[in-house]
Protein backbone atom coordinates (compact mmCIF):
# COMPACT_ATOMS: atom_id res chain seq x y z
CA MET A 1 11.67 -62.74 38.54
CA ALA A 2 8.68 -64.38 36.86
CA SER A 3 6.29 -62.65 39.28
CA LEU A 4 7.81 -59.24 38.50
CA ILE A 5 7.59 -59.69 34.72
CA ARG A 6 4.08 -61.11 34.91
CA LYS A 7 3.00 -58.09 36.95
CA LEU A 8 4.73 -55.50 34.76
CA GLU A 9 3.16 -57.04 31.69
CA GLN A 10 -0.26 -56.18 33.09
CA PHE A 11 0.67 -52.64 32.07
CA VAL A 12 3.09 -52.90 29.12
CA ARG A 13 4.04 -55.62 26.66
CA LEU A 14 7.75 -56.12 27.25
CA SER A 15 10.18 -57.23 24.54
CA PRO A 16 12.51 -60.25 24.79
CA THR A 17 15.34 -57.77 25.39
CA ASP A 18 13.39 -56.21 28.25
CA HIS A 19 12.86 -59.69 29.72
CA ALA A 20 16.58 -60.41 29.49
CA ILE A 21 17.54 -57.16 31.25
CA LEU A 22 15.09 -57.77 34.08
CA SER A 23 16.17 -61.40 34.40
CA ARG A 24 19.83 -60.42 34.64
CA ALA A 25 19.17 -57.65 37.17
CA THR A 26 17.08 -59.90 39.40
CA SER A 27 19.68 -62.67 39.50
CA GLU A 28 22.36 -60.46 41.06
CA ARG A 29 22.74 -58.97 44.54
CA VAL A 30 20.22 -61.32 46.14
CA ARG A 31 19.92 -61.29 49.92
CA HIS A 32 17.94 -63.56 52.22
CA PHE A 33 16.18 -62.58 55.44
CA GLY A 34 14.41 -64.57 58.11
CA ALA A 35 10.85 -63.95 59.25
CA ARG A 36 9.99 -60.92 61.40
CA VAL A 37 13.18 -58.92 60.83
CA ASP A 38 13.77 -55.52 59.24
CA ILE A 39 15.16 -55.19 55.74
CA VAL A 40 15.63 -51.46 56.26
CA ARG A 41 14.77 -49.28 59.26
CA GLU A 42 13.35 -45.80 59.59
CA GLY A 43 16.19 -43.29 59.85
CA GLU A 44 18.65 -45.29 57.75
CA LYS A 45 20.06 -43.88 54.53
CA PRO A 46 18.52 -45.66 51.52
CA ARG A 47 21.11 -47.17 49.18
CA ASP A 48 19.17 -49.47 46.86
CA ILE A 49 15.65 -50.24 45.77
CA HIS A 50 14.40 -53.58 47.04
CA LEU A 51 12.56 -56.12 44.89
CA ILE A 52 10.79 -58.95 46.70
CA LEU A 53 11.69 -62.20 44.94
CA SER A 54 9.95 -64.52 47.38
CA GLY A 55 8.11 -64.24 50.66
CA TRP A 56 5.94 -61.53 52.20
CA ALA A 57 7.00 -58.22 53.75
CA CYS A 58 5.39 -54.97 54.87
CA ARG A 59 5.98 -51.25 55.11
CA TYR A 60 5.25 -49.90 58.56
CA LYS A 61 5.55 -46.99 60.97
CA GLN A 62 6.02 -47.52 64.70
CA PHE A 63 5.84 -45.42 67.84
CA GLU A 64 8.44 -45.75 70.61
CA ASP A 65 5.86 -47.50 72.80
CA GLY A 66 5.53 -50.30 70.24
CA ARG A 67 2.28 -49.33 68.55
CA ARG A 68 2.60 -50.09 64.85
CA GLN A 69 0.71 -49.20 61.67
CA VAL A 70 1.23 -51.39 58.61
CA VAL A 71 0.72 -49.16 55.57
CA SER A 72 1.28 -51.74 52.82
CA PHE A 73 2.06 -55.39 52.21
CA PHE A 74 4.73 -56.53 49.75
CA LEU A 75 4.25 -59.76 47.81
CA PRO A 76 6.61 -61.57 45.40
CA GLY A 77 7.32 -59.34 42.41
CA ASP A 78 6.72 -56.11 44.32
CA ILE A 79 9.25 -53.29 44.27
CA CYS A 80 9.64 -51.32 47.51
CA ASP A 81 9.89 -47.54 47.22
CA MET A 82 10.66 -46.95 43.54
CA ASN A 83 11.86 -43.37 44.17
CA VAL A 84 13.65 -43.91 47.47
CA PHE A 85 16.96 -42.57 46.10
CA ILE A 86 15.78 -38.98 46.56
CA LEU A 87 15.42 -39.42 50.33
CA ARG A 88 18.22 -38.56 52.74
CA GLU A 89 16.86 -41.07 55.20
CA MET A 90 14.05 -43.60 55.39
CA ASP A 91 10.82 -42.24 56.87
CA HIS A 92 9.42 -45.75 57.43
CA SER A 93 10.65 -49.30 57.93
CA ILE A 94 10.32 -52.39 55.74
CA GLY A 95 10.07 -55.64 57.65
CA THR A 96 9.62 -59.27 56.69
CA ILE A 97 6.58 -61.37 57.57
CA THR A 98 7.93 -64.66 56.24
CA PRO A 99 11.45 -65.58 55.18
CA VAL A 100 12.16 -63.30 52.23
CA SER A 101 14.58 -63.17 49.30
CA VAL A 102 15.32 -59.64 48.13
CA VAL A 103 17.18 -58.24 45.14
CA ASP A 104 18.92 -54.90 45.68
CA LEU A 105 18.47 -52.83 42.52
CA SER A 106 21.04 -50.06 42.19
CA ARG A 107 20.68 -46.51 40.94
CA GLU A 108 22.91 -47.55 38.01
CA PHE A 109 20.37 -50.20 36.96
CA PHE A 110 17.57 -47.62 36.83
CA ASP A 111 19.82 -45.13 35.00
CA HIS A 112 20.58 -47.84 32.41
CA VAL A 113 16.88 -48.68 32.00
CA ALA A 114 15.92 -45.01 31.72
CA ALA A 115 18.53 -44.45 29.00
CA GLY A 116 17.44 -47.15 26.60
CA HIS A 117 14.41 -49.17 27.65
CA PRO A 118 11.30 -46.98 27.61
CA ARG A 119 8.82 -49.85 27.91
CA ILE A 120 10.35 -50.95 31.22
CA VAL A 121 10.27 -47.33 32.39
CA THR A 122 6.58 -47.09 31.48
CA ALA A 123 5.85 -50.34 33.32
CA PHE A 124 7.65 -49.04 36.39
CA TRP A 125 5.58 -45.83 36.27
CA TRP A 126 2.41 -47.91 36.12
CA GLU A 127 3.66 -49.89 39.11
CA THR A 128 4.20 -46.64 41.03
CA LEU A 129 0.76 -45.29 40.13
CA VAL A 130 -0.99 -48.51 41.14
CA ASN A 131 0.83 -48.48 44.48
CA ALA A 132 -0.43 -44.92 45.06
CA ALA A 133 -3.96 -46.04 44.18
CA ILE A 134 -3.70 -48.91 46.67
CA GLN A 135 -2.61 -46.43 49.34
CA ARG A 136 -5.66 -44.25 48.63
CA GLU A 137 -7.92 -47.28 48.92
CA TRP A 138 -6.38 -48.19 52.29
CA THR A 139 -7.06 -44.64 53.50
CA MET A 140 -10.67 -45.02 52.39
CA SER A 141 -10.93 -48.25 54.36
CA LEU A 142 -9.52 -46.70 57.54
CA GLY A 143 -11.81 -43.70 57.27
CA GLN A 144 -15.09 -45.12 56.01
CA ARG A 145 -15.37 -48.91 55.85
CA THR A 146 -16.75 -50.99 58.72
CA ALA A 147 -14.59 -53.65 60.33
CA LEU A 148 -16.07 -56.41 58.20
CA GLU A 149 -15.73 -54.31 55.06
CA ARG A 150 -12.08 -53.50 55.87
CA ILE A 151 -11.08 -57.12 56.35
CA ALA A 152 -13.07 -58.36 53.34
CA HIS A 153 -11.62 -55.61 51.16
CA LEU A 154 -8.05 -56.37 52.21
CA LEU A 155 -8.53 -60.09 51.56
CA CYS A 156 -9.92 -59.35 48.09
CA GLU A 157 -6.96 -57.13 47.28
CA ILE A 158 -4.38 -59.63 48.46
CA TRP A 159 -6.15 -62.47 46.64
CA LEU A 160 -6.20 -60.60 43.33
CA ARG A 161 -2.61 -59.40 43.66
CA LEU A 162 -1.46 -62.96 44.28
CA ARG A 163 -3.58 -64.28 41.44
CA LEU A 164 -2.19 -61.72 39.00
CA ALA A 165 1.32 -62.83 40.03
CA GLY A 166 0.39 -66.47 39.40
CA LEU A 167 0.60 -67.37 43.08
CA THR A 168 -2.86 -68.85 43.73
CA ARG A 169 -3.92 -72.50 43.51
CA GLY A 170 -7.55 -72.79 42.47
CA GLU A 171 -9.49 -71.15 45.30
CA SER A 172 -6.53 -71.19 47.68
CA CYS A 173 -3.38 -69.18 48.35
CA ASP A 174 -0.70 -68.95 50.98
CA PHE A 175 -1.72 -66.56 53.74
CA PRO A 176 0.96 -66.09 56.42
CA LEU A 177 -0.56 -62.94 57.96
CA THR A 178 -1.44 -63.20 61.64
CA GLN A 179 -4.39 -61.53 63.28
CA ALA A 180 -1.90 -59.03 64.72
CA ASP A 181 -0.74 -58.19 61.18
CA LEU A 182 -4.33 -57.69 60.05
CA ALA A 183 -5.01 -55.52 63.11
CA ASP A 184 -1.98 -53.34 62.39
CA ALA A 185 -3.07 -52.91 58.77
CA THR A 186 -6.76 -52.18 59.40
CA GLY A 187 -6.66 -50.10 62.58
CA LEU A 188 -8.64 -52.71 64.51
CA SER A 189 -7.87 -54.56 67.73
CA LYS A 190 -6.84 -58.21 67.53
CA VAL A 191 -10.09 -59.13 69.29
CA HIS A 192 -12.09 -57.23 66.68
CA VAL A 193 -10.13 -58.88 63.86
CA ASN A 194 -10.79 -62.31 65.35
CA ARG A 195 -14.51 -61.60 65.62
CA THR A 196 -14.65 -60.28 62.06
CA LEU A 197 -12.85 -63.31 60.64
CA GLN A 198 -15.33 -65.53 62.44
CA GLU A 199 -18.17 -63.61 60.79
CA LEU A 200 -16.61 -64.06 57.35
CA ARG A 201 -16.11 -67.76 58.01
CA ALA A 202 -19.65 -68.22 59.26
CA ALA A 203 -21.01 -66.55 56.13
CA GLY A 204 -19.00 -68.95 53.95
CA LEU A 205 -16.96 -66.11 52.47
CA ILE A 206 -13.54 -67.41 53.45
CA VAL A 207 -11.88 -70.56 54.72
CA LEU A 208 -8.77 -70.10 56.83
CA ASN A 209 -6.81 -73.26 57.55
CA GLY A 210 -3.41 -72.70 59.12
CA LYS A 211 -1.51 -70.43 56.74
CA THR A 212 -3.81 -71.04 53.79
CA LEU A 213 -6.71 -68.86 52.67
CA ALA A 214 -9.50 -70.16 50.44
CA VAL A 215 -12.04 -67.86 48.79
CA PRO A 216 -14.98 -70.02 47.66
CA ASP A 217 -16.87 -67.12 46.03
CA LEU A 218 -14.76 -64.08 45.19
CA ASP A 219 -17.76 -62.14 43.92
CA ARG A 220 -19.58 -62.43 47.29
CA LEU A 221 -16.43 -61.43 49.19
CA MET A 222 -16.02 -58.41 46.91
CA ARG A 223 -19.59 -57.31 47.62
CA ALA A 224 -19.03 -57.72 51.37
CA GLY A 225 -15.95 -55.49 51.20
CA LEU A 226 -17.43 -52.89 48.82
CA PHE A 227 -14.54 -53.88 46.59
CA ASN A 228 -14.15 -52.27 43.18
CA PRO A 229 -11.01 -53.62 41.46
CA ASN A 230 -10.62 -50.54 39.26
CA TYR A 231 -7.80 -49.14 41.44
CA LEU A 232 -5.62 -52.15 40.58
CA HIS A 233 -5.88 -51.13 36.89
CA MET A 234 -6.05 -54.71 35.66
CA GLU A 235 -7.74 -53.72 32.41
CA HIS A 236 -4.71 -51.98 30.87
CA GLU A 237 -3.64 -53.02 27.37
CA GLY A 238 -0.59 -54.94 28.49
CA ARG A 239 -2.28 -57.19 30.97
CA GLN A 240 -1.81 -60.94 30.66
CA LEU A 241 -4.88 -62.22 32.50
CA ASP A 242 -6.91 -65.32 31.91
CA ALA A 243 -10.64 -64.99 31.26
CA GLU A 244 -11.55 -66.39 34.67
CA THR A 245 -9.52 -63.70 36.46
CA ILE A 246 -11.08 -60.92 34.39
CA GLU A 247 -14.57 -62.22 35.01
CA ALA A 248 -13.99 -62.57 38.75
CA ALA A 249 -12.41 -59.12 39.02
CA ALA A 250 -15.26 -57.49 37.13
CA GLY A 251 -17.81 -58.95 39.53
């Protein structure tokens, strides 16, 4: 819950009542999933909106022959498919990467929020718009960035999203993505991803140790990935960022 509120307050300053409503909603209807399983599959009828409480997940599309495209990663505090209620069936799948705890948010919860809590509604709209901006940036990466730029850009984005949610430790953060995950997200082969990660390591831009990522110099990594953080809209009036984060994001 803390990650969700911290993220929403990048956009809007929420009241104590807003905090209480979100806290209550995110303490009910919690489900737990293991790693590498589907939370919801393409073709199923959507019933609830999923909030990631803990763990990492992804949105993906897959062909019958097994080829898969990851189109977004979900981190703690992320809401999957804010407007999914209007769909008759899912046109994509949401799968876990690590063990994940999920809250199922009902249509009634959103109706209640819409009726009397405009600041939460505004924060949710900002969340939706930022997700759309992230999707545009991923399209730009697939169409125009080189392999090294794609990987560097994705690492910058994940790092900043985790940092904004309070989930980094100094230069380090958890990083459970495999090279296959990175390949599926960037349109590269696993061999090409491996080679690119080696280049980033050799240049001193990243340190990967098991499932931990360290970014010794975020500014250099941002330049390598042609990364402009403007699409994350971290400068909005409601943001709750420390000075170090703002300075690093600004480059």
